[in-house]
Amino acid sequence: MAGFKSVVTKQINIIRETPGRKVWQANYYDHIIRNNEEYQRIADYIEMNPICWQSDSLR
């Protein structure tokens, strides 16, 4: 994962013209998706998360 993040960060910073700027959060939660139902649940979460965040009173 570290290699992927490094390559992607360099490319993003080239495009944005922001050398050395951090792109990723310090930690991440990895999880192996084992079936279609689990994939759909995670995809739904990703899609709905910004919508839920907008109405969250604790943000």
N, C-alpha and C. Protein backbone atom coordinates (compact mmCIF):
# COMPACT_ATOMS: atom_id res chain seq x y z
N MET A 1 0.82 -1.18 0.00
CA MET A 1 0.00 0.00 0.00
C MET A 1 0.87 1.26 0.00
N ALA A 2 1.97 1.20 0.73
CA ALA A 2 2.84 2.38 0.82
C ALA A 2 3.39 2.78 -0.55
N GLY A 3 3.77 1.80 -1.36
CA GLY A 3 4.28 2.10 -2.69
C GLY A 3 3.24 2.75 -3.57
N PHE A 4 2.03 2.23 -3.52
CA PHE A 4 0.91 2.80 -4.28
C PHE A 4 0.68 4.24 -3.88
N LYS A 5 0.60 4.47 -2.56
CA LYS A 5 0.34 5.82 -2.06
C LYS A 5 1.45 6.79 -2.46
N SER A 6 2.68 6.32 -2.45
CA SER A 6 3.81 7.16 -2.82
C SER A 6 3.73 7.59 -4.29
N VAL A 7 3.47 6.63 -5.17
CA VAL A 7 3.38 6.92 -6.60
C VAL A 7 2.22 7.86 -6.88
N VAL A 8 1.06 7.57 -6.30
CA VAL A 8 -0.12 8.40 -6.53
C VAL A 8 0.09 9.81 -5.98
N THR A 9 0.69 9.92 -4.81
CA THR A 9 0.96 11.23 -4.21
C THR A 9 1.84 12.07 -5.12
N LYS A 10 2.89 11.46 -5.65
CA LYS A 10 3.79 12.20 -6.56
C LYS A 10 3.04 12.70 -7.78
N GLN A 11 2.20 11.85 -8.36
CA GLN A 11 1.45 12.25 -9.56
C GLN A 11 0.44 13.36 -9.24
N ILE A 12 -0.25 13.24 -8.13
CA ILE A 12 -1.22 14.27 -7.74
C ILE A 12 -0.51 15.60 -7.53
N ASN A 13 0.62 15.56 -6.86
CA ASN A 13 1.36 16.80 -6.60
C ASN A 13 1.94 17.41 -7.88
N ILE A 14 2.28 16.60 -8.85
CA ILE A 14 2.72 17.12 -10.15
C ILE A 14 1.55 17.84 -10.82
N ILE A 15 0.40 17.18 -10.85
CA ILE A 15 -0.79 17.77 -11.49
C ILE A 15 -1.20 19.06 -10.78
N ARG A 16 -1.20 19.05 -9.47
CA ARG A 16 -1.63 20.22 -8.68
C ARG A 16 -0.53 21.28 -8.54
N GLU A 17 0.68 20.92 -8.93
CA GLU A 17 1.84 21.80 -8.73
C GLU A 17 2.02 22.13 -7.25
N THR A 18 1.97 21.09 -6.42
CA THR A 18 2.12 21.22 -4.97
C THR A 18 3.16 20.21 -4.47
N PRO A 19 4.43 20.38 -4.84
CA PRO A 19 5.44 19.39 -4.46
C PRO A 19 5.56 19.22 -2.95
N GLY A 20 5.62 17.97 -2.52
CA GLY A 20 5.82 17.66 -1.11
C GLY A 20 4.57 17.72 -0.25
N ARG A 21 3.46 18.11 -0.81
CA ARG A 21 2.24 18.23 -0.02
C ARG A 21 1.65 16.85 0.27
N LYS A 22 1.15 16.66 1.50
CA LYS A 22 0.52 15.39 1.87
C LYS A 22 -0.84 15.26 1.20
N VAL A 23 -1.17 14.04 0.81
CA VAL A 23 -2.44 13.76 0.14
C VAL A 23 -3.30 12.82 0.97
N TRP A 24 -2.68 11.91 1.69
CA TRP A 24 -3.38 10.83 2.38
C TRP A 24 -3.45 11.09 3.88
N GLN A 25 -4.45 10.50 4.51
CA GLN A 25 -4.49 10.48 5.96
C GLN A 25 -3.38 9.56 6.45
N ALA A 26 -2.97 9.73 7.70
CA ALA A 26 -1.86 8.96 8.25
C ALA A 26 -2.16 7.46 8.29
N ASN A 27 -3.36 7.07 8.61
CA ASN A 27 -3.73 5.66 8.74
C ASN A 27 -4.89 5.34 7.82
N TYR A 28 -5.09 4.07 7.61
CA TYR A 28 -6.22 3.62 6.81
C TYR A 28 -6.72 2.30 7.37
N TYR A 29 -7.93 1.94 7.03
CA TYR A 29 -8.54 0.69 7.47
C TYR A 29 -8.70 -0.18 6.25
N ASP A 30 -7.93 -1.26 6.15
CA ASP A 30 -8.08 -2.13 5.00
C ASP A 30 -9.00 -3.30 5.35
N HIS A 31 -9.69 -3.78 4.35
CA HIS A 31 -10.66 -4.84 4.55
C HIS A 31 -10.81 -5.60 3.24
N ILE A 32 -10.75 -6.91 3.29
CA ILE A 32 -10.95 -7.73 2.10
C ILE A 32 -12.44 -7.90 1.88
N ILE A 33 -12.90 -7.52 0.70
CA ILE A 33 -14.31 -7.67 0.35
C ILE A 33 -14.51 -9.09 -0.15
N ARG A 34 -15.36 -9.84 0.52
CA ARG A 34 -15.46 -11.28 0.27
C ARG A 34 -16.62 -11.70 -0.63
N ASN A 35 -17.60 -10.82 -0.84
CA ASN A 35 -18.72 -11.19 -1.68
C ASN A 35 -19.42 -9.94 -2.22
N ASN A 36 -20.37 -10.14 -3.11
CA ASN A 36 -21.08 -9.01 -3.73
C ASN A 36 -21.89 -8.20 -2.74
N GLU A 37 -22.48 -8.87 -1.75
CA GLU A 37 -23.28 -8.15 -0.76
C GLU A 37 -22.42 -7.19 0.06
N GLU A 38 -21.26 -7.67 0.45
CA GLU A 38 -20.34 -6.83 1.21
C GLU A 38 -19.84 -5.67 0.35
N TYR A 39 -19.54 -5.95 -0.91
CA TYR A 39 -19.13 -4.89 -1.84
C TYR A 39 -20.21 -3.82 -1.93
N GLN A 40 -21.45 -4.24 -2.10
CA GLN A 40 -22.55 -3.28 -2.25
C GLN A 40 -22.74 -2.45 -0.98
N ARG A 41 -22.61 -3.07 0.18
CA ARG A 41 -22.75 -2.36 1.45
C ARG A 41 -21.67 -1.27 1.57
N ILE A 42 -20.45 -1.61 1.20
CA ILE A 42 -19.35 -0.65 1.28
C ILE A 42 -19.52 0.45 0.23
N ALA A 43 -19.93 0.09 -0.97
CA ALA A 43 -20.17 1.08 -2.02
C ALA A 43 -21.28 2.05 -1.61
N ASP A 44 -22.34 1.53 -1.01
CA ASP A 44 -23.43 2.38 -0.53
C ASP A 44 -22.94 3.33 0.56
N TYR A 45 -22.10 2.83 1.47
CA TYR A 45 -21.54 3.67 2.53
C TYR A 45 -20.73 4.81 1.93
N ILE A 46 -19.88 4.50 0.96
CA ILE A 46 -19.04 5.52 0.34
C ILE A 46 -19.90 6.57 -0.35
N GLU A 47 -20.93 6.12 -1.04
CA GLU A 47 -21.81 7.05 -1.76
C GLU A 47 -22.61 7.93 -0.80
N MET A 48 -23.08 7.37 0.29
CA MET A 48 -23.94 8.11 1.21
C MET A 48 -23.16 8.94 2.23
N ASN A 49 -21.89 8.65 2.46
CA ASN A 49 -21.13 9.31 3.50
C ASN A 49 -21.12 10.84 3.37
N PRO A 50 -20.86 11.42 2.18
CA PRO A 50 -20.88 12.88 2.08
C PRO A 50 -22.27 13.47 2.35
N ILE A 51 -23.30 12.76 1.96
CA ILE A 51 -24.67 13.23 2.20
C ILE A 51 -24.96 13.24 3.69
N CYS A 52 -24.58 12.17 4.38
CA CYS A 52 -24.79 12.09 5.83
C CYS A 52 -23.95 13.14 6.56
N TRP A 53 -22.75 13.41 6.07
CA TRP A 53 -21.87 14.37 6.72
C TRP A 53 -22.48 15.77 6.68
N GLN A 54 -23.12 16.12 5.58
CA GLN A 54 -23.71 17.45 5.45
C GLN A 54 -24.79 17.70 6.50
N SER A 55 -25.49 16.65 6.90
CA SER A 55 -26.56 16.84 7.88
C SER A 55 -26.14 16.46 9.30
N ASP A 56 -24.87 16.15 9.50
CA ASP A 56 -24.37 15.76 10.82
C ASP A 56 -24.15 16.99 11.69
N SER A 57 -24.81 17.05 12.82
CA SER A 57 -24.71 18.23 13.69
C SER A 57 -23.36 18.29 14.41
N LEU A 58 -22.60 17.20 14.43
CA LEU A 58 -21.32 17.17 15.14
C LEU A 58 -20.12 17.46 14.24
N ARG A 59 -20.36 17.75 12.97
CA ARG A 59 -19.22 17.98 12.06
C ARG A 59 -18.61 19.26 12.39
